[in-house]
Amino acid sequence: MYESVNELKKIMEDEVKEKKKANPQKWAGFIESTVVNFFDEHKIEKLAIEDGNGNKAKLARTKDNGIKIEYSSTVLM
């Protein structure tokens, strides 16, 4: 489990580095692709993450092995 958390932290750190490039990935896209793939690959039951900028997400596995996703994002102008 500890290794999985470290792997997710590394993914998020890499994501911050990627944001500085020309084509940043939006929060919803990150959750629906990278995080869902991580969640499914590691057979996680529940996961809650936030990026420190007000963006939050919760993922939970349903009884029929689906994935329920709730996320919110904050935009500063």
Protein backbone atom coordinates (compact mmCIF):
# COMPACT_ATOMS: atom_id res chain seq x y z
CA MET A 1 0.00 0.00 0.00
CA TYR A 2 2.81 2.40 0.95
CA GLU A 3 4.42 1.78 -2.43
CA SER A 4 1.13 2.60 -4.20
CA VAL A 5 0.82 5.90 -2.30
CA ASN A 6 4.38 6.82 -3.24
CA GLU A 7 3.65 5.95 -6.86
CA LEU A 8 0.57 8.21 -6.84
CA LYS A 9 2.60 11.03 -5.26
CA LYS A 10 5.18 10.66 -8.01
CA ILE A 11 2.45 10.77 -10.67
CA MET A 12 1.07 13.97 -9.13
CA GLU A 13 4.56 15.53 -8.90
CA ASP A 14 5.16 14.64 -12.53
CA GLU A 15 1.78 16.20 -13.34
CA VAL A 16 2.87 19.49 -11.74
CA LYS A 17 6.00 19.44 -13.88
CA GLU A 18 3.87 18.72 -16.95
CA LYS A 19 1.63 21.75 -16.19
CA LYS A 20 4.56 24.01 -16.94
CA LYS A 21 4.67 22.68 -20.51
CA ALA A 22 2.59 24.09 -23.37
CA ASN A 23 -0.34 21.64 -23.15
CA PRO A 24 -1.45 21.25 -19.51
CA GLN A 25 -3.94 18.54 -18.64
CA LYS A 26 -7.10 19.73 -16.89
CA TRP A 27 -8.11 18.36 -13.48
CA ALA A 28 -11.10 16.43 -14.82
CA GLY A 29 -8.97 14.84 -17.54
CA PHE A 30 -6.30 13.90 -15.02
CA ILE A 31 -8.87 12.28 -12.72
CA GLU A 32 -10.72 10.46 -15.49
CA SER A 33 -7.55 9.05 -17.05
CA THR A 34 -4.40 8.85 -14.93
CA VAL A 35 -6.05 8.51 -11.50
CA VAL A 36 -8.72 6.04 -12.70
CA ASN A 37 -6.04 3.90 -14.35
CA PHE A 38 -3.97 3.93 -11.14
CA PHE A 39 -7.07 3.17 -9.03
CA ASP A 40 -8.04 0.23 -11.23
CA GLU A 41 -4.53 -1.16 -11.71
CA HIS A 42 -3.91 -1.34 -7.96
CA LYS A 43 -7.43 -2.65 -7.13
CA ILE A 44 -8.03 0.20 -4.65
CA GLU A 45 -11.43 0.34 -2.91
CA LYS A 46 -11.51 4.06 -1.98
CA LEU A 47 -9.27 7.00 -2.80
CA ALA A 48 -9.48 10.71 -1.96
CA ILE A 49 -6.99 13.21 -3.41
CA GLU A 50 -6.53 16.95 -3.60
CA ASP A 51 -3.89 19.03 -5.33
CA GLY A 52 -3.50 21.87 -2.83
CA ASN A 53 -5.15 24.36 -5.19
CA GLY A 54 -8.74 23.56 -4.22
CA ASN A 55 -9.23 20.68 -6.64
CA LYS A 56 -10.50 17.51 -4.96
CA ALA A 57 -11.59 14.04 -6.06
CA LYS A 58 -13.02 10.90 -4.46
CA LEU A 59 -13.10 7.53 -6.13
CA ALA A 60 -14.88 4.46 -4.79
CA ARG A 61 -15.42 0.98 -6.16
CA THR A 62 -19.11 0.01 -6.45
CA LYS A 63 -20.61 -3.39 -5.61
CA ASP A 64 -20.72 -4.29 -9.31
CA ASN A 65 -16.99 -3.41 -9.64
CA GLY A 66 -17.66 -0.07 -11.33
CA ILE A 67 -15.90 3.12 -10.28
CA LYS A 68 -17.82 6.04 -8.78
CA ILE A 69 -16.02 9.36 -9.25
CA GLU A 70 -16.81 12.67 -7.54
CA TYR A 71 -14.58 15.66 -8.26
CA SER A 72 -14.60 19.40 -7.94
CA SER A 73 -12.29 21.99 -9.36
CA THR A 74 -11.51 25.56 -8.44
CA VAL A 75 -10.59 28.19 -11.01
CA LEU A 76 -8.72 31.32 -10.01
CA MET A 77 -8.94 34.34 -12.29
